[in-house]
Amino acid sequence: EQRRCLQYIAAQANRSHEGCPPSWDAVICWPHAVIGETVHRGCPAVFSLLKNNTGSVSRNCTSGGWSGAFPPYHIACSVDDDIPETEESYFATVKLIYTIGYSISLVVLVVAVLILLLFRKLRCARNFIHIQLFITFILKAVAVFIKDAALFSSDDTNHCTLSTFACKSSVVFCHYCVMANFFWLLVEALYLNSLLLSSFYHSRRCLWGFSLLGWGVPVLFIILWIGSRVYFEDTECWDINEDSPYWWIIKGPIVVSIAVNFMLFMNIIRILIQKLNPRLIQFNNSSQYRRLTKSTLLLIPLFGTHYMFFNFLPDYFSVNLRLCIELCMGSFQGLLVAILYCFLNQEVQKEVHMQWLRWQERSYGVVPPAAKCSQMDTPF
């Protein structure tokens, strides 16, 4: 209808008319009218899909131009655009949960990054990769807050009235942070596989390669997606990707990274089983089961294995359950990763403990012998 109306307006452009020119108001195409004339138009045919009865809308042509439509479209065309109360309550609850989750994760991740950066003995290749992953979780949380502020503003104006550039920028930044997060999860899996296979050589070149994969590859796909949206699908705020073939420029690499991560996860579990009992894998005591179970559960949040649950299902499959898992559970993933791989890391605990003893010694000059002789196990 819009395309047809714009063609009609273009055909009328060369004719000089007094009064109100033809126009498209995003709903109905209004023809030329003389001053004082009242034009009546039927509701768009698409409204009949929502309600069986259709009405009409009128506009007056005045000396100042077209008047507003009367009665309003949602009244004249019997369109109920309100979200059901139960569904609105559900969405509000989901938003509240993931807002709390990202807020807690953000604070804990910032503390974890500061700990790994401040203590010199904790600076190694493994913790370097952990820091990059923590930073992606931090950026992801910030991006979600920025995007929510841009798209779900609390005032009465529609988000399209915001600066279009700022709105699109928030969406692009959010997509980049999400992609970078998935790719650094992939880097963690590649690094751990290399360690277990004893084929990883600790060099700056390898770390630069990991950095290029984690930060650089998402930039390439984001640029391609931006170009496709600018030239082929420059609509609204770029926040709606339903039925868009260009969305696979971003979704495709994420799906591949999740699939590769899952295969690496299964390979690591296989290696752990072999290392737990080299003699043909026969578990004779419960401690071996516990060690394998603990290692498996620790790797799930680090590799993002839980994303496999909905990875290859269509977008419309169980939307409510998908929102709960991807938004609510996903918002706490950063918190879980920071706790498991920083605060519960025995190497980190030992270094923090030693710094605490040094501070006590500098402040009071006396350190309890029991504290000085305390030892902690070397981390796995």
Protein backbone atom coordinates (compact mmCIF):
# COMPACT_ATOMS: atom_id res chain seq x y z
CA GLU A 1 0.00 0.00 0.00
CA GLN A 2 2.82 2.41 0.79
CA ARG A 3 4.59 1.69 -2.49
CA ARG A 4 1.37 2.17 -4.44
CA CYS A 5 0.65 5.45 -2.63
CA LEU A 6 4.15 6.81 -3.26
CA GLN A 7 3.78 6.02 -6.96
CA TYR A 8 0.47 7.89 -6.97
CA ILE A 9 2.05 10.89 -5.20
CA ALA A 10 4.92 10.92 -7.69
CA ALA A 11 2.46 10.88 -10.60
CA GLN A 12 0.60 13.85 -9.11
CA ALA A 13 3.78 15.84 -8.38
CA ASN A 14 3.88 17.64 -11.76
CA ARG A 15 0.31 18.86 -11.45
CA SER A 16 -0.29 22.12 -9.63
CA HIS A 17 -3.13 21.69 -7.18
CA GLU A 18 -4.47 24.09 -4.65
CA GLY A 19 -5.52 22.74 -1.32
CA CYS A 20 -4.07 19.65 0.38
CA PRO A 21 -1.64 17.49 -1.59
CA PRO A 22 -1.87 13.69 -1.62
CA SER A 23 -0.01 12.09 1.28
CA TRP A 24 0.78 8.80 2.99
CA ASP A 25 0.33 8.81 6.79
CA ALA A 26 1.83 5.33 7.32
CA VAL A 27 -1.67 3.79 7.37
CA ILE A 28 -3.85 5.19 4.56
CA CYS A 29 -3.17 6.96 1.27
CA TRP A 30 -5.00 10.31 1.15
CA PRO A 31 -5.79 11.86 -2.26
CA HIS A 32 -5.73 15.51 -3.24
CA ALA A 33 -8.49 17.63 -1.66
CA VAL A 34 -9.62 21.25 -1.85
CA ILE A 35 -9.81 23.49 1.20
CA GLY A 36 -12.95 22.80 3.21
CA GLU A 37 -13.40 19.31 1.84
CA THR A 38 -13.75 16.31 4.14
CA VAL A 39 -12.29 13.08 2.79
CA HIS A 40 -13.52 9.70 4.01
CA ARG A 41 -11.40 6.57 3.60
CA GLY A 42 -12.07 2.98 4.59
CA CYS A 43 -9.81 1.21 7.07
CA PRO A 44 -6.91 -0.70 5.51
CA ALA A 45 -7.70 -4.24 4.41
CA VAL A 46 -5.09 -5.65 6.82
CA PHE A 47 -7.26 -4.55 9.75
CA SER A 48 -9.94 -6.99 8.66
CA LEU A 49 -7.55 -9.79 9.62
CA LEU A 50 -7.79 -8.64 13.24
CA LYS A 51 -11.50 -7.80 13.34
CA ASN A 52 -14.35 -8.84 11.07
CA ASN A 53 -15.93 -5.39 11.00
CA THR A 54 -14.15 -2.48 9.32
CA GLY A 55 -14.92 1.20 9.64
CA SER A 56 -13.83 4.46 8.04
CA VAL A 57 -11.60 7.39 8.94
CA SER A 58 -12.00 11.05 7.92
CA ARG A 59 -9.70 14.05 7.55
CA ASN A 60 -10.46 17.69 6.82
CA CYS A 61 -8.53 19.76 4.32
CA THR A 62 -7.92 23.14 5.94
CA SER A 63 -5.94 26.22 4.96
CA GLY A 64 -3.15 24.93 7.20
CA GLY A 65 -3.11 21.48 5.60
CA TRP A 66 -4.58 18.13 6.53
CA SER A 67 -6.22 17.77 9.91
CA GLY A 68 -5.70 14.75 12.12
CA ALA A 69 -7.60 11.56 11.42
CA PHE A 70 -10.95 11.22 13.16
CA PRO A 71 -12.00 9.07 14.82
CA PRO A 72 -8.55 7.65 15.71
CA TYR A 73 -7.53 4.53 13.81
CA HIS A 74 -7.67 2.19 16.80
CA ILE A 75 -11.28 3.28 17.46
CA ALA A 76 -12.58 3.57 13.91
CA CYS A 77 -11.01 0.30 12.77
CA SER A 78 -11.72 -1.63 15.99
CA VAL A 79 -8.11 -2.57 16.58
CA ASP A 80 -7.18 -3.62 20.09
CA ASP A 81 -3.43 -3.09 20.33
CA ASP A 82 -3.18 -3.75 24.06
CA ILE A 83 -1.03 -6.66 25.23
CA PRO A 84 -2.96 -9.10 27.44
CA GLU A 85 -2.40 -8.38 31.13
CA THR A 86 -0.97 -11.83 31.90
CA GLU A 87 1.45 -11.65 28.97
CA GLU A 88 2.51 -8.11 29.85
CA SER A 89 3.11 -9.20 33.44
CA TYR A 90 5.23 -12.13 32.21
CA PHE A 91 7.40 -9.89 30.01
CA ALA A 92 7.82 -7.40 32.86
CA THR A 93 8.91 -10.23 35.18
CA VAL A 94 11.43 -11.53 32.63
CA LYS A 95 12.83 -8.03 32.17
CA LEU A 96 13.13 -7.55 35.93
CA ILE A 97 14.93 -10.89 36.39
CA TYR A 98 17.49 -10.37 33.63
CA THR A 99 18.06 -6.77 34.75
CA ILE A 100 18.90 -8.02 38.24
CA GLY A 101 21.02 -10.82 36.79
CA TYR A 102 23.07 -8.54 34.55
CA SER A 103 23.48 -5.97 37.36
CA ILE A 104 24.87 -8.53 39.82
CA SER A 105 27.03 -10.12 37.12
CA LEU A 106 28.40 -6.72 36.13
CA VAL A 107 29.56 -5.87 39.66
CA VAL A 108 31.07 -9.30 40.34
CA LEU A 109 32.83 -9.42 36.94
CA VAL A 110 34.40 -5.98 37.45
CA VAL A 111 35.81 -7.14 40.81
CA ALA A 112 37.09 -10.37 39.23
CA VAL A 113 38.87 -8.49 36.42
CA LEU A 114 40.49 -6.11 38.92
CA ILE A 115 41.76 -9.03 41.00
CA LEU A 116 43.29 -10.79 38.00
CA LEU A 117 44.90 -7.55 36.80
CA LEU A 118 46.23 -6.25 40.12
CA PHE A 119 48.06 -9.36 41.31
CA ARG A 120 51.21 -9.90 39.25
CA LYS A 121 51.47 -13.62 40.02
CA LEU A 122 48.07 -14.20 38.44
CA ARG A 123 49.18 -12.84 35.06
CA CYS A 124 49.40 -15.83 32.74
CA ALA A 125 47.94 -16.99 29.42
CA ARG A 126 45.03 -18.79 31.08
CA ASN A 127 44.01 -15.78 33.14
CA PHE A 128 44.55 -13.47 30.16
CA ILE A 129 41.87 -15.43 28.29
CA HIS A 130 39.64 -15.44 31.39
CA ILE A 131 39.95 -11.64 31.62
CA GLN A 132 38.90 -11.21 27.97
CA LEU A 133 35.89 -13.45 28.55
CA PHE A 134 34.95 -11.50 31.68
CA ILE A 135 35.20 -8.23 29.73
CA THR A 136 32.80 -9.57 27.06
CA PHE A 137 30.29 -10.41 29.78
CA ILE A 138 30.71 -6.88 31.18
CA LEU A 139 30.21 -5.31 27.75
CA LYS A 140 27.22 -7.57 27.10
CA ALA A 141 25.54 -6.40 30.32
CA VAL A 142 26.24 -2.74 29.52
CA ALA A 143 24.95 -3.21 25.97
CA VAL A 144 21.70 -4.74 27.23
CA PHE A 145 21.13 -1.77 29.56
CA ILE A 146 21.84 0.71 26.75
CA LYS A 147 19.58 -1.13 24.32
CA ASP A 148 16.74 -1.33 26.85
CA ALA A 149 17.07 2.39 27.53
CA ALA A 150 16.90 3.12 23.79
CA LEU A 151 14.09 0.75 22.84
CA PHE A 152 11.93 0.71 25.97
CA SER A 153 12.00 4.31 27.08
CA SER A 154 9.64 4.98 29.96
CA ASP A 155 8.20 8.16 28.42
CA ASP A 156 5.15 8.16 26.21
CA THR A 157 6.94 8.86 22.95
CA ASN A 158 7.72 6.00 20.65
CA HIS A 159 11.33 4.86 20.49
CA CYS A 160 11.38 5.75 16.80
CA THR A 161 11.24 9.40 17.80
CA LEU A 162 14.65 9.01 19.39
CA SER A 163 17.75 9.74 17.41
CA THR A 164 17.77 7.08 14.71
CA PHE A 165 21.55 6.91 14.69
CA ALA A 166 21.74 6.47 18.47
CA CYS A 167 19.05 3.80 18.42
CA LYS A 168 20.73 1.82 15.63
CA SER A 169 24.11 2.25 17.29
CA SER A 170 22.81 0.69 20.52
CA VAL A 171 21.49 -2.32 18.58
CA VAL A 172 24.78 -2.73 16.66
CA PHE A 173 26.81 -2.46 19.88
CA CYS A 174 24.61 -5.07 21.56
CA HIS A 175 24.99 -7.51 18.66
CA TYR A 176 28.77 -7.03 18.63
CA CYS A 177 29.07 -7.67 22.39
CA VAL A 178 26.96 -10.82 22.12
CA MET A 179 29.05 -12.13 19.19
CA ALA A 180 32.33 -11.33 20.97
CA ASN A 181 31.06 -13.18 24.05
CA PHE A 182 30.31 -16.32 22.04
CA PHE A 183 33.67 -16.20 20.26
CA TRP A 184 35.60 -15.83 23.53
CA LEU A 185 33.68 -18.84 24.85
CA LEU A 186 35.03 -20.61 21.77
CA VAL A 187 38.57 -19.39 22.56
CA GLU A 188 38.26 -20.83 26.09
CA ALA A 189 37.28 -24.20 24.62
CA LEU A 190 40.12 -24.17 22.08
CA TYR A 191 42.68 -23.22 24.74
CA LEU A 192 41.59 -25.93 27.18
CA ASN A 193 41.57 -28.57 24.42
CA SER A 194 45.10 -27.54 23.48
CA LEU A 195 46.25 -27.80 27.10
CA LEU A 196 44.77 -31.27 27.54
CA LEU A 197 46.30 -32.44 24.29
CA SER A 198 49.67 -30.97 25.36
CA SER A 199 50.00 -29.25 22.00
CA PHE A 200 49.76 -25.62 23.06
CA TYR A 201 52.87 -23.51 23.02
CA HIS A 202 52.64 -20.47 25.28
CA SER A 203 53.67 -17.64 23.02
CA ARG A 204 52.50 -14.12 22.38
CA ARG A 205 51.67 -15.07 18.81
CA CYS A 206 49.07 -17.58 19.99
CA LEU A 207 47.52 -15.03 22.32
CA TRP A 208 47.37 -12.51 19.49
CA GLY A 209 45.66 -15.15 17.37
CA PHE A 210 43.10 -15.79 20.08
CA SER A 211 42.52 -12.04 20.45
CA LEU A 212 41.98 -11.72 16.70
CA LEU A 213 39.45 -14.56 16.79
CA GLY A 214 37.63 -13.22 19.86
CA TRP A 215 37.52 -9.50 19.01
CA GLY A 216 38.32 -9.23 15.28
CA VAL A 217 36.11 -11.86 13.65
CA PRO A 218 32.88 -10.42 15.17
CA VAL A 219 33.84 -7.01 13.76
CA LEU A 220 33.93 -8.51 10.24
CA PHE A 221 30.44 -10.02 10.51
CA ILE A 222 29.00 -6.91 12.16
CA ILE A 223 30.31 -4.74 9.30
CA LEU A 224 28.75 -7.12 6.75
CA TRP A 225 25.43 -7.04 8.62
CA ILE A 226 25.46 -3.23 8.85
CA GLY A 227 26.10 -2.98 5.10
CA SER A 228 23.25 -5.37 4.32
CA ARG A 229 20.83 -3.45 6.54
CA VAL A 230 21.85 -0.06 5.09
CA TYR A 231 21.48 -1.12 1.47
CA PHE A 232 18.71 -3.75 1.57
CA GLU A 233 16.71 -3.49 4.81
CA ASP A 234 17.10 -0.06 6.39
CA THR A 235 13.91 -0.19 8.46
CA GLU A 236 13.06 1.16 11.91
CA CYS A 237 15.85 0.75 14.47
CA TRP A 238 17.30 -2.51 13.06
CA ASP A 239 15.95 -4.24 16.16
CA ILE A 240 13.48 -6.51 14.32
CA ASN A 241 15.10 -9.46 12.51
CA GLU A 242 12.13 -11.77 12.04
CA ASP A 243 12.13 -13.41 8.59
CA SER A 244 15.19 -11.40 7.60
CA PRO A 245 17.77 -13.40 5.59
CA TYR A 246 20.47 -10.92 6.57
CA TRP A 247 20.07 -11.85 10.24
CA TRP A 248 22.00 -15.05 9.47
CA ILE A 249 25.13 -12.94 8.94
CA ILE A 250 25.16 -12.62 12.75
CA LYS A 251 23.20 -15.69 13.81
CA GLY A 252 25.12 -18.08 11.52
CA PRO A 253 28.58 -17.60 13.10
CA ILE A 254 27.04 -17.77 16.58
CA VAL A 255 25.31 -21.07 15.76
CA VAL A 256 28.57 -22.47 14.34
CA SER A 257 30.56 -21.36 17.40
CA ILE A 258 28.03 -23.01 19.74
CA ALA A 259 28.17 -26.25 17.71
CA VAL A 260 32.00 -26.27 17.71
CA ASN A 261 32.03 -25.50 21.43
CA PHE A 262 29.74 -28.45 22.08
CA MET A 263 32.01 -30.80 20.12
CA LEU A 264 35.05 -29.50 22.01
CA PHE A 265 33.13 -29.95 25.25
CA MET A 266 32.42 -33.60 24.43
CA ASN A 267 36.06 -34.12 23.42
CA ILE A 268 37.27 -32.68 26.74
CA ILE A 269 34.93 -34.96 28.68
CA ARG A 270 36.35 -37.92 26.70
CA ILE A 271 39.91 -36.84 27.55
CA LEU A 272 39.03 -36.36 31.22
CA ILE A 273 37.56 -39.86 31.41
CA GLN A 274 40.75 -41.30 29.95
CA LYS A 275 42.97 -39.27 32.28
CA LEU A 276 40.97 -40.23 35.36
CA ASN A 277 41.65 -43.92 34.79
CA PRO A 278 44.15 -44.79 32.03
CA ARG A 279 43.51 -48.53 32.55
CA LEU A 280 40.60 -49.01 30.17
CA ILE A 281 38.23 -46.69 31.98
CA GLN A 282 36.76 -48.75 34.79
CA PHE A 283 35.51 -46.68 37.70
CA ASN A 284 36.08 -48.59 40.92
CA ASN A 285 35.34 -45.87 43.46
CA SER A 286 32.90 -43.01 43.81
CA SER A 287 35.64 -40.34 43.98
CA GLN A 288 36.37 -40.77 40.28
CA TYR A 289 32.69 -40.27 39.47
CA ARG A 290 32.65 -37.14 41.61
CA ARG A 291 35.75 -35.72 39.91
CA LEU A 292 34.32 -36.34 36.44
CA THR A 293 30.94 -34.88 37.40
CA LYS A 294 32.55 -31.80 38.97
CA SER A 295 34.75 -31.20 35.91
CA THR A 296 31.77 -31.56 33.58
CA LEU A 297 29.56 -29.17 35.55
CA LEU A 298 32.38 -26.60 35.77
CA LEU A 299 32.83 -26.62 32.00
CA ILE A 300 29.15 -26.09 31.13
CA PRO A 301 29.01 -22.33 31.97
CA LEU A 302 32.52 -21.75 30.60
CA PHE A 303 31.66 -23.26 27.21
CA GLY A 304 28.05 -22.02 27.09
CA THR A 305 26.92 -25.61 26.52
CA HIS A 306 23.41 -24.78 27.76
CA TYR A 307 22.86 -22.77 24.55
CA MET A 308 22.68 -26.07 22.64
CA PHE A 309 19.21 -26.58 24.13
CA PHE A 310 17.57 -24.12 21.71
CA ASN A 311 20.37 -23.66 19.20
CA PHE A 312 18.88 -25.55 16.26
CA LEU A 313 15.20 -25.02 17.04
CA PRO A 314 13.13 -22.47 15.09
CA ASP A 315 12.76 -18.99 16.61
CA TYR A 316 9.02 -19.41 17.17
CA PHE A 317 9.43 -22.62 19.22
CA SER A 318 8.22 -22.11 22.83
CA VAL A 319 8.95 -18.38 22.93
CA ASN A 320 8.26 -18.04 26.67
CA LEU A 321 10.63 -20.88 27.60
CA ARG A 322 13.26 -19.54 25.20
CA LEU A 323 13.05 -16.09 26.78
CA CYS A 324 13.41 -17.59 30.25
CA ILE A 325 16.53 -19.57 29.33
CA GLU A 326 18.28 -17.12 27.03
CA LEU A 327 17.54 -13.94 29.00
CA CYS A 328 17.04 -14.95 32.62
CA MET A 329 19.55 -17.79 32.86
CA GLY A 330 21.94 -16.10 30.45
CA SER A 331 22.05 -12.96 32.58
CA PHE A 332 23.55 -14.95 35.49
CA GLN A 333 26.13 -16.78 33.33
CA GLY A 334 28.73 -14.05 33.86
CA LEU A 335 28.23 -14.25 37.63
CA LEU A 336 28.66 -18.02 37.59
CA VAL A 337 31.78 -17.89 35.40
CA ALA A 338 33.39 -15.20 37.60
CA ILE A 339 32.73 -17.19 40.78
CA LEU A 340 33.96 -20.51 39.39
CA TYR A 341 37.05 -19.29 37.56
CA CYS A 342 38.13 -16.43 39.82
CA PHE A 343 36.76 -16.42 43.36
CA LEU A 344 36.80 -20.23 43.77
CA ASN A 345 40.13 -20.57 41.99
CA GLN A 346 42.62 -21.78 44.60
CA GLU A 347 45.45 -19.90 42.95
CA VAL A 348 43.50 -16.65 43.29
CA GLN A 349 42.50 -17.47 46.85
CA LYS A 350 46.11 -18.19 47.76
CA GLU A 351 47.38 -14.92 46.29
CA VAL A 352 44.64 -12.88 47.99
CA HIS A 353 45.40 -14.69 51.24
CA MET A 354 49.13 -13.87 50.95
CA GLN A 355 48.37 -10.22 50.22
CA TRP A 356 46.13 -10.13 53.29
CA LEU A 357 48.94 -11.54 55.44
CA ARG A 358 51.40 -8.97 54.08
CA TRP A 359 48.93 -6.18 54.82
CA GLN A 360 48.46 -7.43 58.38
CA GLU A 361 52.23 -7.65 58.82
CA ARG A 362 52.73 -4.08 57.56
CA SER A 363 49.85 -2.73 59.64
CA TYR A 364 50.33 -4.55 62.94
CA GLY A 365 53.79 -6.09 62.65
CA VAL A 366 52.53 -9.42 63.96
CA VAL A 367 51.06 -12.27 61.99
CA PRO A 368 49.49 -15.32 63.68
CA PRO A 369 51.76 -18.36 63.19
CA ALA A 370 48.81 -20.50 62.14
CA ALA A 371 47.98 -18.05 59.37
CA LYS A 372 51.59 -17.85 58.23
CA CYS A 373 51.93 -21.65 58.02
CA SER A 374 48.61 -22.21 56.29
CA GLN A 375 48.91 -23.71 52.85
CA MET A 376 46.46 -24.10 50.00
CA ASP A 377 46.34 -26.72 47.30
CA THR A 378 47.66 -25.96 43.85
CA PRO A 379 44.73 -25.34 41.48
CA PHE A 380 43.87 -27.81 38.75
